[in-house]
Amino acid sequence: MFKLILVQCNYVSLRDRLIFRLQEICQLEIRVLAVQQSRKTLYTAIQEEFGEEIPACVMVVGLESVQNLPIMLTSANQVQEEFRKNFAFPLVLWIDDEIYKQLIQLAPDLESWATTRNFAISTQELVDFIIQTANQWFSNNLKLSVNVYIKLENDLETAQRDLLNQPDVYNLKIKANLKSLLGFVKQINNYEDSALEHYHKALELWQESNNLEK
């Protein structure tokens, strides 16, 4: 039986941990479909991946990276009945807040079918994540795959947006660590101009906090 579930989660690292844990504890097999950036239709992506197979549950990730997401969401809304007729399994879409806004606007009929769940990360977890990751980088112990660096960039930019609304937490040390990490991941992901901007800001913040070693 088709069931649509929207899971709002702004942090890719948290999403991946939750999916891994669900796969561990759930008796049913959870299949994960990572949508390619170039995809234009969600329905076709799922159909081509599973064909006539009826999985116990399908979780879709990667929508935040789709190049033509508005086209994909509009198309999904137009063929919403095909989802119900041909996908006799629970379909879980992992989305962030921005995608949810677009979904409401561009695919309101599809969204109206859905059950929505929200997973957030606490402020303390967010601060710990930034400090721990920065300490690993400064000690040359941050060794990740290319795909993970892309996810890290997404999480750091989201963290920056979230912490801007919490000036009591977003102190000099956290700002400097975050800017240092953003410079690093931008450099790794070949955004050199942006990397230099973040590095220069990090330098100013470390000097302001009198942490000359960093």
Foldseek 3Di string as FASTA:
>chain_A
DEAEAEEAEQAPVVVVVVVVVCCVPPPFHEAEAEDDQADQAPVVSVCVVQPQHAGQEYEYDNLVNHPPNLSHLLNCLVPVVCCVVRHPHYYYYYHHPVSVVSNCVRRVVNVVRYHYHYDYDDPVRLLVVLVVQLVCVVVVNDDDDLVVLVSVLSNLVVSVVVCVVPVVSCDLVSLLSSLQSNLVSCVSVVVNVSSVVSPVVSVVSCVVVVVVVD
